Amino acid sequence: MKKQWTHVYSAYGQLDAAMLVDFLLANGIEATSIQESLGTTYGLTVGPLGEAKIFVPIDQKEMAETLIRQMQEGKLETGDEQSP
């Protein structure tokens, strides 16, 4: 049976997309990104050609969206904070 994937986020450029895919993978969520080939070729990061779409399996969509929302709201610890 083929796995069904669903769109959960649109990043701007391959670098942002790759970082988000790595973040999701590190949290146990399968993820991949797709960007229009012309946008990738020219390194575009704005407009429709610069948009890189992040996809996850349908059964992991809710968890992925929760993690992305927490990341955007700054609710995740990075481990980089230094104690006073």
PDB file of N, CA and C in Angstrom:
ATOM      1  N   MET A   1       0.838  -1.179   0.000  1.00  0.00           N
ATOM      2  CA  MET A   1       0.000   0.000   0.000  1.00  0.00           C
ATOM      3  C   MET A   1       0.887   1.248   0.000  1.00  0.00           C
ATOM      4  N   LYS A   2       0.600   2.175  -0.902  1.00  0.00           N
ATOM      5  CA  LYS A   2       1.364   3.412  -1.005  1.00  0.00           C
ATOM      6  C   LYS A   2       1.014   4.349   0.142  1.00  0.00           C
ATOM      7  N   LYS A   3       2.037   5.000   0.662  1.00  0.00           N
ATOM      8  CA  LYS A   3       1.837   5.981   1.724  1.00  0.00           C
ATOM      9  C   LYS A   3       1.271   7.258   1.113  1.00  0.00           C
ATOM     10  N   GLN A   4       0.280   7.837   1.779  1.00  0.00           N
ATOM     11  CA  GLN A   4      -0.299   9.098   1.306  1.00  0.00           C
ATOM     12  C   GLN A   4       0.317  10.256   2.089  1.00  0.00           C
ATOM     13  N   TRP A   5       0.714  11.287   1.353  1.00  0.00           N
ATOM     14  CA  TRP A   5       1.364  12.448   1.944  1.00  0.00           C
ATOM     15  C   TRP A   5       0.449  13.660   1.850  1.00  0.00           C
ATOM     16  N   THR A   6       0.642  14.603   2.760  1.00  0.00           N
ATOM     17  CA  THR A   6      -0.160  15.815   2.762  1.00  0.00           C
ATOM     18  C   THR A   6       0.729  17.029   3.031  1.00  0.00           C
ATOM     19  N   HIS A   7       0.338  18.148   2.456  1.00  0.00           N
ATOM     20  CA  HIS A   7       1.073  19.407   2.602  1.00  0.00           C
ATOM     21  C   HIS A   7       0.805  19.985   3.990  1.00  0.00           C
ATOM     22  N   VAL A   8       1.890  20.365   4.720  1.00  0.00           N
ATOM     23  CA  VAL A   8       1.712  20.944   6.054  1.00  0.00           C
ATOM     24  C   VAL A   8       2.298  22.338   6.197  1.00  0.00           C
ATOM     25  N   TYR A   9       3.181  22.737   5.260  1.00  0.00           N
ATOM     26  CA  TYR A   9       3.845  24.034   5.442  1.00  0.00           C
ATOM     27  C   TYR A   9       4.478  24.466   4.120  1.00  0.00           C
ATOM     28  N   SER A  10       4.555  25.768   3.915  1.00  0.00           N
ATOM     29  CA  SER A  10       5.273  26.311   2.761  1.00  0.00           C
ATOM     30  C   SER A  10       6.440  27.149   3.272  1.00  0.00           C
ATOM     31  N   ALA A  11       7.635  26.740   2.902  1.00  0.00           N
ATOM     32  CA  ALA A  11       8.855  27.458   3.278  1.00  0.00           C
ATOM     33  C   ALA A  11       9.300  28.284   2.078  1.00  0.00           C
ATOM     34  N   TYR A  12      10.187  29.223   2.314  1.00  0.00           N
ATOM     35  CA  TYR A  12      10.692  30.034   1.210  1.00  0.00           C
ATOM     36  C   TYR A  12      12.137  29.680   0.946  1.00  0.00           C
ATOM     37  N   GLY A  13      12.327  28.891  -0.090  1.00  0.00           N
ATOM     38  CA  GLY A  13      13.646  28.451  -0.504  1.00  0.00           C
ATOM     39  C   GLY A  13      14.002  27.090   0.065  1.00  0.00           C
ATOM     40  N   GLN A  14      14.952  26.439  -0.586  1.00  0.00           N
ATOM     41  CA  GLN A  14      15.373  25.098  -0.204  1.00  0.00           C
ATOM     42  C   GLN A  14      16.065  25.065   1.151  1.00  0.00           C
ATOM     43  N   LEU A  15      16.785  26.116   1.520  1.00  0.00           N
ATOM     44  CA  LEU A  15      17.475  26.119   2.804  1.00  0.00           C
ATOM     45  C   LEU A  15      16.466  26.059   3.948  1.00  0.00           C
ATOM     46  N   ASP A  16      15.460  26.931   3.925  1.00  0.00           N
ATOM     47  CA  ASP A  16      14.420  26.902   4.954  1.00  0.00           C
ATOM     48  C   ASP A  16      13.699  25.555   4.956  1.00  0.00           C
ATOM     49  N   ALA A  17      13.404  25.040   3.788  1.00  0.00           N
ATOM     50  CA  ALA A  17      12.696  23.763   3.676  1.00  0.00           C
ATOM     51  C   ALA A  17      13.544  22.631   4.245  1.00  0.00           C
ATOM     52  N   ALA A  18      14.830  22.614   3.916  1.00  0.00           N
ATOM     53  CA  ALA A  18      15.717  21.553   4.400  1.00  0.00           C
ATOM     54  C   ALA A  18      15.828  21.589   5.924  1.00  0.00           C
ATOM     55  N   MET A  19      15.911  22.792   6.494  1.00  0.00           N
ATOM     56  CA  MET A  19      15.991  22.898   7.952  1.00  0.00           C
ATOM     57  C   MET A  19      14.714  22.390   8.607  1.00  0.00           C
ATOM     58  N   LEU A  20      13.559  22.709   8.026  1.00  0.00           N
ATOM     59  CA  LEU A  20      12.302  22.251   8.597  1.00  0.00           C
ATOM     60  C   LEU A  20      12.145  20.736   8.447  1.00  0.00           C
ATOM     61  N   VAL A  21      12.528  20.200   7.309  1.00  0.00           N
ATOM     62  CA  VAL A  21      12.472  18.748   7.111  1.00  0.00           C
ATOM     63  C   VAL A  21      13.370  18.062   8.142  1.00  0.00           C
ATOM     64  N   ASP A  22      14.586  18.573   8.345  1.00  0.00           N
ATOM     65  CA  ASP A  22      15.494  17.992   9.344  1.00  0.00           C
ATOM     66  C   ASP A  22      14.896  18.077  10.749  1.00  0.00           C
ATOM     67  N   PHE A  23      14.266  19.197  11.076  1.00  0.00           N
ATOM     68  CA  PHE A  23      13.614  19.379  12.369  1.00  0.00           C
ATOM     69  C   PHE A  23      12.523  18.325  12.575  1.00  0.00           C
ATOM     70  N   LEU A  24      11.695  18.122  11.555  1.00  0.00           N
ATOM     71  CA  LEU A  24      10.629  17.131  11.667  1.00  0.00           C
ATOM     72  C   LEU A  24      11.199  15.718  11.779  1.00  0.00           C
ATOM     73  N   LEU A  25      12.196  15.414  10.978  1.00  0.00           N
ATOM     74  CA  LEU A  25      12.826  14.093  11.038  1.00  0.00           C
ATOM     75  C   LEU A  25      13.432  13.837  12.414  1.00  0.00           C
ATOM     76  N   ALA A  26      14.064  14.850  12.996  1.00  0.00           N
ATOM     77  CA  ALA A  26      14.671  14.718  14.324  1.00  0.00           C
ATOM     78  C   ALA A  26      13.620  14.464  15.395  1.00  0.00           C
ATOM     79  N   ASN A  27      12.384  14.832  15.099  1.00  0.00           N
ATOM     80  CA  ASN A  27      11.291  14.617  16.039  1.00  0.00           C
ATOM     81  C   ASN A  27      10.434  13.415  15.662  1.00  0.00           C
ATOM     82  N   GLY A  28      10.972  12.536  14.822  1.00  0.00           N
ATOM     83  CA  GLY A  28      10.312  11.276  14.496  1.00  0.00           C
ATOM     84  C   GLY A  28       9.206  11.360  13.459  1.00  0.00           C
ATOM     85  N   ILE A  29       9.186  12.444  12.692  1.00  0.00           N
ATOM     86  CA  ILE A  29       8.155  12.608  11.664  1.00  0.00           C
ATOM     87  C   ILE A  29       8.809  12.535  10.290  1.00  0.00           C
ATOM     88  N   GLU A  30       8.325  11.626   9.462  1.00  0.00           N
ATOM     89  CA  GLU A  30       8.825  11.563   8.084  1.00  0.00           C
ATOM     90  C   GLU A  30       8.431  12.845   7.374  1.00  0.00           C
ATOM     91  N   ALA A  31       9.330  13.392   6.580  1.00  0.00           N
ATOM     92  CA  ALA A  31       9.028  14.636   5.875  1.00  0.00           C
ATOM     93  C   ALA A  31       9.874  14.746   4.617  1.00  0.00           C
ATOM     94  N   THR A  32       9.349  15.497   3.664  1.00  0.00           N
ATOM     95  CA  THR A  32      10.079  15.783   2.440  1.00  0.00           C
ATOM     96  C   THR A  32       9.630  17.142   1.929  1.00  0.00           C
ATOM     97  N   SER A  33      10.435  17.723   1.053  1.00  0.00           N
ATOM     98  CA  SER A  33      10.059  19.012   0.479  1.00  0.00           C
ATOM     99  C   SER A  33      10.129  18.948  -1.037  1.00  0.00           C
ATOM    100  N   ILE A  34       9.318  19.779  -1.659  1.00  0.00           N
ATOM    101  CA  ILE A  34       9.279  19.872  -3.119  1.00  0.00           C
ATOM    102  C   ILE A  34       9.246  21.342  -3.493  1.00  0.00           C
ATOM    103  N   GLN A  35      10.119  21.716  -4.425  1.00  0.00           N
ATOM    104  CA  GLN A  35      10.125  23.083  -4.936  1.00  0.00           C
ATOM    105  C   GLN A  35      10.154  23.024  -6.455  1.00  0.00           C
ATOM    106  N   GLU A  36       9.504  23.973  -7.074  1.00  0.00           N
ATOM    107  CA  GLU A  36       9.513  24.085  -8.534  1.00  0.00           C
ATOM    108  C   GLU A  36      10.969  24.078  -9.004  1.00  0.00           C
ATOM    109  N   SER A  37      11.280  23.292 -10.021  1.00  0.00           N
ATOM    110  CA  SER A  37      12.668  23.128 -10.457  1.00  0.00           C
ATOM    111  C   SER A  37      13.327  24.439 -10.880  1.00  0.00           C
ATOM    112  N   LEU A  38      12.580  25.330 -11.498  1.00  0.00           N
ATOM    113  CA  LEU A  38      13.146  26.617 -11.911  1.00  0.00           C
ATOM    114  C   LEU A  38      13.554  27.438 -10.689  1.00  0.00           C
ATOM    115  N   GLY A  39      12.746  27.387  -9.638  1.00  0.00           N
ATOM    116  CA  GLY A  39      13.077  28.085  -8.400  1.00  0.00           C
ATOM    117  C   GLY A  39      14.330  27.529  -7.764  1.00  0.00           C
ATOM    118  N   THR A  40      14.486  26.216  -7.800  1.00  0.00           N
ATOM    119  CA  THR A  40      15.676  25.575  -7.254  1.00  0.00           C
ATOM    120  C   THR A  40      16.907  25.946  -8.079  1.00  0.00           C
ATOM    121  N   THR A  41      16.772  25.910  -9.400  1.00  0.00           N
ATOM    122  CA  THR A  41      17.887  26.216 -10.293  1.00  0.00           C
ATOM    123  C   THR A  41      18.434  27.615 -10.066  1.00  0.00           C
ATOM    124  N   TYR A  42      17.544  28.577  -9.905  1.00  0.00           N
ATOM    125  CA  TYR A  42      17.971  29.965  -9.730  1.00  0.00           C
ATOM    126  C   TYR A  42      18.083  30.390  -8.272  1.00  0.00           C
ATOM    127  N   GLY A  43      17.820  29.484  -7.345  1.00  0.00           N
ATOM    128  CA  GLY A  43      17.945  29.795  -5.931  1.00  0.00           C
ATOM    129  C   GLY A  43      16.933  30.813  -5.437  1.00  0.00           C
ATOM    130  N   LEU A  44      15.743  30.806  -6.036  1.00  0.00           N
ATOM    131  CA  LEU A  44      14.716  31.774  -5.656  1.00  0.00           C
ATOM    132  C   LEU A  44      14.163  31.448  -4.269  1.00  0.00           C
ATOM    133  N   THR A  45      13.853  32.504  -3.499  1.00  0.00           N
ATOM    134  CA  THR A  45      13.278  32.318  -2.170  1.00  0.00           C
ATOM    135  C   THR A  45      11.998  33.123  -1.974  1.00  0.00           C
ATOM    136  N   VAL A  46      11.550  33.815  -3.009  1.00  0.00           N
ATOM    137  CA  VAL A  46      10.304  34.583  -2.921  1.00  0.00           C
ATOM    138  C   VAL A  46       9.408  34.237  -4.094  1.00  0.00           C
ATOM    139  N   GLY A  47       8.129  34.503  -3.907  1.00  0.00           N
ATOM    140  CA  GLY A  47       7.164  34.246  -4.983  1.00  0.00           C
ATOM    141  C   GLY A  47       6.875  32.770  -5.143  1.00  0.00           C
ATOM    142  N   PRO A  48       5.997  32.463  -6.056  1.00  0.00           N
ATOM    143  CA  PRO A  48       5.586  31.072  -6.260  1.00  0.00           C
ATOM    144  C   PRO A  48       6.743  30.128  -6.610  1.00  0.00           C
ATOM    145  N   LEU A  49       7.716  30.604  -7.345  1.00  0.00           N
ATOM    146  CA  LEU A  49       8.842  29.736  -7.714  1.00  0.00           C
ATOM    147  C   LEU A  49       9.806  29.518  -6.552  1.00  0.00           C
ATOM    148  N   GLY A  50       9.785  30.398  -5.566  1.00  0.00           N
ATOM    149  CA  GLY A  50      10.663  30.260  -4.415  1.00  0.00           C
ATOM    150  C   GLY A  50      10.063  29.431  -3.300  1.00  0.00           C
ATOM    151  N   GLU A  51       8.794  29.126  -3.420  1.00  0.00           N
ATOM    152  CA  GLU A  51       8.095  28.379  -2.382  1.00  0.00           C
ATOM    153  C   GLU A  51       8.457  26.901  -2.425  1.00  0.00           C
ATOM    154  N   ALA A  52       8.864  26.375  -1.280  1.00  0.00           N
ATOM    155  CA  ALA A  52       9.145  24.946  -1.151  1.00  0.00           C
ATOM    156  C   ALA A  52       8.096  24.364  -0.209  1.00  0.00           C
ATOM    157  N   LYS A  53       7.369  23.386  -0.675  1.00  0.00           N
ATOM    158  CA  LYS A  53       6.276  22.812   0.113  1.00  0.00           C
ATOM    159  C   LYS A  53       6.779  21.608   0.901  1.00  0.00           C
ATOM    160  N   ILE A  54       6.379  21.563   2.179  1.00  0.00           N
ATOM    161  CA  ILE A  54       6.758  20.474   3.065  1.00  0.00           C
ATOM    162  C   ILE A  54       5.582  19.499   3.150  1.00  0.00           C
ATOM    163  N   PHE A  55       5.890  18.221   2.963  1.00  0.00           N
ATOM    164  CA  PHE A  55       4.884  17.170   3.010  1.00  0.00           C
ATOM    165  C   PHE A  55       5.249  16.137   4.064  1.00  0.00           C
ATOM    166  N   VAL A  56       4.218  15.604   4.741  1.00  0.00           N
ATOM    167  CA  VAL A  56       4.392  14.534   5.720  1.00  0.00           C
ATOM    168  C   VAL A  56       3.309  13.488   5.455  1.00  0.00           C
ATOM    169  N   PRO A  57       3.500  12.258   5.962  1.00  0.00           N
ATOM    170  CA  PRO A  57       2.429  11.264   5.826  1.00  0.00           C
ATOM    171  C   PRO A  57       1.166  11.754   6.537  1.00  0.00           C
ATOM    172  N   ILE A  58       0.023  11.431   5.973  1.00  0.00           N
ATOM    173  CA  ILE A  58      -1.246  11.892   6.517  1.00  0.00           C
ATOM    174  C   ILE A  58      -1.387  11.556   7.999  1.00  0.00           C
ATOM    175  N   ASP A  59      -0.938  10.366   8.401  1.00  0.00           N
ATOM    176  CA  ASP A  59      -1.111   9.973   9.800  1.00  0.00           C
ATOM    177  C   ASP A  59      -0.185  10.732  10.757  1.00  0.00           C
ATOM    178  N   GLN A  60       0.749  11.529  10.240  1.00  0.00           N
ATOM    179  CA  GLN A  60       1.638  12.316  11.088  1.00  0.00           C
ATOM    180  C   GLN A  60       1.358  13.822  10.955  1.00  0.00           C
ATOM    181  N   LYS A  61       0.313  14.174  10.227  1.00  0.00           N
ATOM    182  CA  LYS A  61       0.015  15.583   9.953  1.00  0.00           C
ATOM    183  C   LYS A  61      -0.222  16.393  11.229  1.00  0.00           C
ATOM    184  N   GLU A  62      -1.055  15.884  12.121  1.00  0.00           N
ATOM    185  CA  GLU A  62      -1.399  16.640  13.329  1.00  0.00           C
ATOM    186  C   GLU A  62      -0.158  16.927  14.179  1.00  0.00           C
ATOM    187  N   MET A  63       0.682  15.920  14.372  1.00  0.00           N
ATOM    188  CA  MET A  63       1.892  16.113  15.168  1.00  0.00           C
ATOM    189  C   MET A  63       2.841  17.096  14.486  1.00  0.00           C
ATOM    190  N   ALA A  64       2.980  16.996  13.173  1.00  0.00           N
ATOM    191  CA  ALA A  64       3.850  17.913  12.429  1.00  0.00           C
ATOM    192  C   ALA A  64       3.358  19.350  12.570  1.00  0.00           C
ATOM    193  N   GLU A  65       2.072  19.557  12.412  1.00  0.00           N
ATOM    194  CA  GLU A  65       1.516  20.905  12.526  1.00  0.00           C
ATOM    195  C   GLU A  65       1.697  21.461  13.934  1.00  0.00           C
ATOM    196  N   THR A  66       1.564  20.611  14.938  1.00  0.00           N
ATOM    197  CA  THR A  66       1.768  21.036  16.325  1.00  0.00           C
ATOM    198  C   THR A  66       3.212  21.464  16.545  1.00  0.00           C
ATOM    199  N   LEU A  67       4.159  20.670  16.075  1.00  0.00           N
ATOM    200  CA  LEU A  67       5.583  21.010  16.227  1.00  0.00           C
ATOM    201  C   LEU A  67       5.935  22.302  15.482  1.00  0.00           C
ATOM    202  N   ILE A  68       5.420  22.454  14.285  1.00  0.00           N
ATOM    203  CA  ILE A  68       5.693  23.668  13.500  1.00  0.00           C
ATOM    204  C   ILE A  68       5.121  24.887  14.217  1.00  0.00           C
ATOM    205  N   ARG A  69       3.917  24.775  14.735  1.00  0.00           N
ATOM    206  CA  ARG A  69       3.290  25.885  15.464  1.00  0.00           C
ATOM    207  C   ARG A  69       4.101  26.237  16.714  1.00  0.00           C
ATOM    208  N   GLN A  70       4.531  25.225  17.468  1.00  0.00           N
ATOM    209  CA  GLN A  70       5.342  25.464  18.664  1.00  0.00           C
ATOM    210  C   GLN A  70       6.664  26.140  18.298  1.00  0.00           C
ATOM    211  N   MET A  71       7.261  25.722  17.191  1.00  0.00           N
ATOM    212  CA  MET A  71       8.505  26.321  16.736  1.00  0.00           C
ATOM    213  C   MET A  71       8.284  27.794  16.387  1.00  0.00           C
ATOM    214  N   GLN A  72       7.226  28.081  15.655  1.00  0.00           N
ATOM    215  CA  GLN A  72       6.935  29.461  15.254  1.00  0.00           C
ATOM    216  C   GLN A  72       6.648  30.357  16.453  1.00  0.00           C
ATOM    217  N   GLU A  73       6.062  29.789  17.487  1.00  0.00           N
ATOM    218  CA  GLU A  73       5.725  30.554  18.688  1.00  0.00           C
ATOM    219  C   GLU A  73       6.890  30.641  19.673  1.00  0.00           C
ATOM    220  N   GLY A  74       8.012  29.998  19.344  1.00  0.00           N
ATOM    221  CA  GLY A  74       9.183  30.043  20.206  1.00  0.00           C
ATOM    222  C   GLY A  74       9.043  29.210  21.464  1.00  0.00           C
ATOM    223  N   LYS A  75       8.223  28.184  21.420  1.00  0.00           N
ATOM    224  CA  LYS A  75       7.962  27.371  22.601  1.00  0.00           C
ATOM    225  C   LYS A  75       8.883  26.159  22.726  1.00  0.00           C
ATOM    226  N   LEU A  76       9.797  25.981  21.816  1.00  0.00           N
ATOM    227  CA  LEU A  76      10.698  24.825  21.861  1.00  0.00           C
ATOM    228  C   LEU A  76      12.067  25.266  22.366  1.00  0.00           C
ATOM    229  N   GLU A  77      12.651  24.448  23.222  1.00  0.00           N
ATOM    230  CA  GLU A  77      13.993  24.758  23.707  1.00  0.00           C
ATOM    231  C   GLU A  77      15.013  24.272  22.687  1.00  0.00           C
ATOM    232  N   THR A  78      16.065  25.052  22.498  1.00  0.00           N
ATOM    233  CA  THR A  78      17.089  24.663  21.545  1.00  0.00           C
ATOM    234  C   THR A  78      18.306  24.051  22.223  1.00  0.00           C
ATOM    235  N   GLY A  79      18.440  24.246  23.537  1.00  0.00           N
ATOM    236  CA  GLY A  79      19.614  23.746  24.236  1.00  0.00           C
ATOM    237  C   GLY A  79      20.796  24.688  24.128  1.00  0.00           C
ATOM    238  N   ASP A  80      20.618  25.799  23.389  1.00  0.00           N
ATOM    239  CA  ASP A  80      21.696  26.764  23.208  1.00  0.00           C
ATOM    240  C   ASP A  80      21.696  27.845  24.281  1.00  0.00           C
ATOM    241  N   GLU A  81      20.638  27.889  25.083  1.00  0.00           N
ATOM    242  CA  GLU A  81      20.556  28.931  26.104  1.00  0.00           C
ATOM    243  C   GLU A  81      21.633  28.695  27.155  1.00  0.00           C
ATOM    244  N   GLN A  82      22.254  29.765  27.574  1.00  0.00           N
ATOM    245  CA  GLN A  82      23.288  29.646  28.596  1.00  0.00           C
ATOM    246  C   GLN A  82      22.730  30.128  29.918  1.00  0.00           C
ATOM    247  N   SER A  83      23.109  29.453  30.991  1.00  0.00           N
ATOM    248  CA  SER A  83      22.673  29.856  32.318  1.00  0.00           C
ATOM    249  C   SER A  83      23.379  31.124  32.736  1.00  0.00           C
ATOM    250  N   PRO A  84      22.688  32.005  33.495  1.00  0.00           N
ATOM    251  CA  PRO A  84      23.334  33.243  33.943  1.00  0.00           C
ATOM    252  C   PRO A  84      24.418  32.978  34.968  1.00  0.00           C
TER     253      PRO A  84
END
